[in-house]
Structure formats: C-alpha cells, structure tokens
Amino acid sequence: MSDQEHSLHAMVLAQLDEIEDPCSVASGTPMGLVEMGLVDSVNVSAGGLVEVNLRLTSPLCHMIGFFKVEAVRRLASLAGVTGVALHADMGLDWSSDRMSAVAQGRRAQLVRRMERLRESGTMSQAIDPG
C-alpha cells in the first residue's frame, strides 16, 4: 500500500468511527462503527475506490440502510475517493470480542451499573448517561 493509500485508509477508518451505532447510543454507551467492531475490512484501491465490509451484530439489524447512506456520504467527500462500495454480512457471527478494549470496558461498566440497578429495583436509571 502506498503512503497515499495508507493515509486515505486511515481517514476512511476515522470517518467510519464517527458514525455512531444507534443501538449503542440508545443504550447509553455511544460507539462508532470501528470501535464497535462492525468494520470487518476496508480496502482502498490505487484509483481511490473504497470498499468497506461491515459485520452486523444481528441478522435482524435494521440499521444497515443508515450505515450505508451515512458511510457513502462521508467517505465520498474525502479527497482522493473516487467511489464507495459498502457490503454487510448476514450478522451471524459478531461478538463483543470484536469491540475495542476501551469500548468493552465502557460496556462492562454499563452492565455492572444495570445489574446494581436491577438489584435495587431502579432499572429505569440504567440508561441515563448522566
């Protein structure tokens, strides 16, 4: 990979990580696509074509349309990108092990907080990010 392709690859990953997974936002632990472990691979051709392969968390994920529209919009605006193709798997084998270490830690904190709230009978406070 040339320096230019490597630089573009890094910019693509940064843009993808700025797209927050709506389910993680709703649970009170917002995570970008990269941090969440949803980006399986990114390929950048010498001509600037970017191909992104996503790994969904579930076969029932309804967010793929949002991910595609947002990724194409963001990536197409990057200098050097001549086209964007985004593909998704069937959502059959994602696990939380794919998440970044920081994201796993935040998720573990949320789970512990939810367990404490469940035990105290105040579960509705579990998703209050404040």
Protein backbone atom coordinates (compact mmCIF):
# COMPACT_ATOMS: atom_id res chain seq x y z
CA MET A 1 0.00 0.00 0.00
CA SER A 2 1.40 3.39 -0.99
CA ASP A 3 1.69 6.24 1.51
CA GLN A 4 -1.28 7.95 -0.16
CA GLU A 5 -3.40 4.78 0.07
CA HIS A 6 -2.33 4.27 3.69
CA SER A 7 -3.28 7.87 4.54
CA LEU A 8 -6.64 7.52 2.80
CA HIS A 9 -7.23 4.21 4.60
CA ALA A 10 -6.67 5.95 7.97
CA MET A 11 -9.06 8.77 7.00
CA VAL A 12 -11.70 6.24 5.96
CA LEU A 13 -11.45 4.44 9.32
CA ALA A 14 -11.68 7.76 11.17
CA GLN A 15 -14.82 8.72 9.24
CA LEU A 16 -16.42 5.31 9.82
CA ASP A 17 -15.74 5.59 13.53
CA GLU A 18 -17.59 8.91 13.63
CA ILE A 19 -20.76 7.09 12.55
CA GLU A 20 -22.33 6.07 15.83
CA ASP A 21 -24.23 2.82 16.09
CA PRO A 22 -27.79 3.91 17.02
CA CYS A 23 -28.28 0.89 19.29
CA SER A 24 -25.19 1.75 21.32
CA VAL A 25 -26.38 5.36 21.54
CA ALA A 26 -29.78 4.20 22.79
CA SER A 27 -28.14 2.05 25.46
CA GLY A 28 -26.15 5.00 26.79
CA THR A 29 -22.73 3.90 25.51
CA PRO A 30 -22.30 5.56 22.09
CA MET A 31 -19.77 3.76 19.88
CA GLY A 32 -18.54 4.38 16.37
CA LEU A 33 -18.58 1.62 13.78
CA VAL A 34 -14.87 0.85 14.17
CA GLU A 35 -14.92 0.96 17.98
CA MET A 36 -18.00 -1.30 17.99
CA GLY A 37 -16.18 -3.86 15.85
CA LEU A 38 -18.59 -3.54 12.95
CA VAL A 39 -15.92 -2.76 10.34
CA ASP A 40 -14.61 -6.08 9.12
CA SER A 41 -12.31 -4.69 6.44
CA VAL A 42 -11.53 -1.61 4.38
CA ASN A 43 -9.79 -1.78 1.02
CA VAL A 44 -8.57 1.30 -0.84
CA SER A 45 -7.54 0.84 -4.46
CA ALA A 46 -4.79 2.81 -6.13
CA GLY A 47 -7.53 4.62 -8.06
CA GLY A 48 -9.37 5.74 -4.91
CA LEU A 49 -12.19 3.19 -4.83
CA VAL A 50 -13.05 2.41 -1.20
CA GLU A 51 -14.63 -0.93 -0.36
CA VAL A 52 -15.97 -1.41 3.18
CA ASN A 53 -17.16 -4.71 4.60
CA LEU A 54 -19.33 -4.49 7.70
CA ARG A 55 -20.07 -7.19 10.20
CA LEU A 56 -23.55 -6.74 11.67
CA THR A 57 -24.42 -7.62 15.27
CA SER A 58 -27.58 -9.48 14.30
CA PRO A 59 -29.38 -10.84 11.24
CA LEU A 60 -32.26 -8.59 12.32
CA CYS A 61 -30.23 -5.36 12.32
CA HIS A 62 -32.34 -2.58 10.80
CA MET A 63 -29.50 -0.06 10.79
CA ILE A 64 -27.73 -1.25 7.64
CA GLY A 65 -29.56 1.32 5.49
CA PHE A 66 -28.46 4.12 7.82
CA PHE A 67 -24.88 2.79 7.90
CA LYS A 68 -24.71 2.61 4.09
CA VAL A 69 -26.14 6.07 3.45
CA GLU A 70 -24.00 7.72 6.12
CA ALA A 71 -20.80 5.90 5.13
CA VAL A 72 -21.19 6.70 1.43
CA ARG A 73 -21.98 10.36 2.22
CA ARG A 74 -18.98 10.77 4.49
CA LEU A 75 -16.44 8.74 2.52
CA ALA A 76 -17.36 10.19 -0.88
CA SER A 77 -16.46 13.64 0.46
CA LEU A 78 -12.86 12.64 1.24
CA ALA A 79 -10.19 13.92 -1.13
CA GLY A 80 -8.90 11.07 -3.26
CA VAL A 81 -12.02 8.90 -3.02
CA THR A 82 -13.45 8.12 -6.44
CA GLY A 83 -16.15 5.68 -5.35
CA VAL A 84 -17.52 3.83 -2.35
CA ALA A 85 -18.89 0.30 -2.07
CA LEU A 86 -20.27 -0.94 1.21
CA HIS A 87 -21.20 -4.56 1.91
CA ALA A 88 -22.61 -6.23 5.01
CA ASP A 89 -22.54 -9.80 6.19
CA MET A 90 -25.56 -11.73 7.48
CA GLY A 91 -24.97 -10.76 11.11
CA LEU A 92 -24.47 -14.33 12.26
CA ASP A 93 -21.09 -14.27 13.98
CA TRP A 94 -20.38 -10.86 15.54
CA SER A 95 -19.42 -10.94 19.22
CA SER A 96 -18.45 -8.30 21.76
CA ASP A 97 -14.85 -9.57 21.44
CA ARG A 98 -14.69 -7.55 18.20
CA MET A 99 -15.15 -4.30 20.14
CA SER A 100 -12.15 -2.16 21.03
CA ALA A 101 -10.74 -2.65 24.53
CA VAL A 102 -11.99 0.80 25.55
CA ALA A 103 -15.48 0.04 24.27
CA GLN A 104 -15.50 -3.31 26.07
CA GLY A 105 -14.60 -1.50 29.29
CA ARG A 106 -17.40 1.05 28.85
CA ARG A 107 -19.85 -1.75 28.07
CA ALA A 108 -18.75 -3.69 31.16
CA GLN A 109 -19.31 -0.58 33.31
CA LEU A 110 -22.80 -0.19 31.89
CA VAL A 111 -23.60 -3.85 32.53
CA ARG A 112 -22.39 -3.57 36.14
CA ARG A 113 -24.45 -0.43 36.63
CA MET A 114 -27.52 -2.14 35.17
CA GLU A 115 -27.02 -5.15 37.45
CA ARG A 116 -26.80 -2.89 40.51
CA LEU A 117 -29.92 -1.01 39.44
CA ARG A 118 -31.80 -4.23 38.78
CA GLU A 119 -30.88 -5.45 42.27
CA SER A 120 -32.02 -2.15 43.79
CA GLY A 121 -35.25 -2.10 41.76
CA THR A 122 -34.40 1.12 39.88
CA MET A 123 -33.62 -0.33 36.45
CA SER A 124 -35.04 2.70 34.60
CA GLN A 125 -31.95 4.72 35.63
CA ALA A 126 -29.63 2.28 33.85
CA ILE A 127 -29.66 4.14 30.56
CA ASP A 128 -29.35 7.65 31.98
CA PRO A 129 -25.93 8.70 30.62
CA GLY A 130 -25.57 11.47 33.21
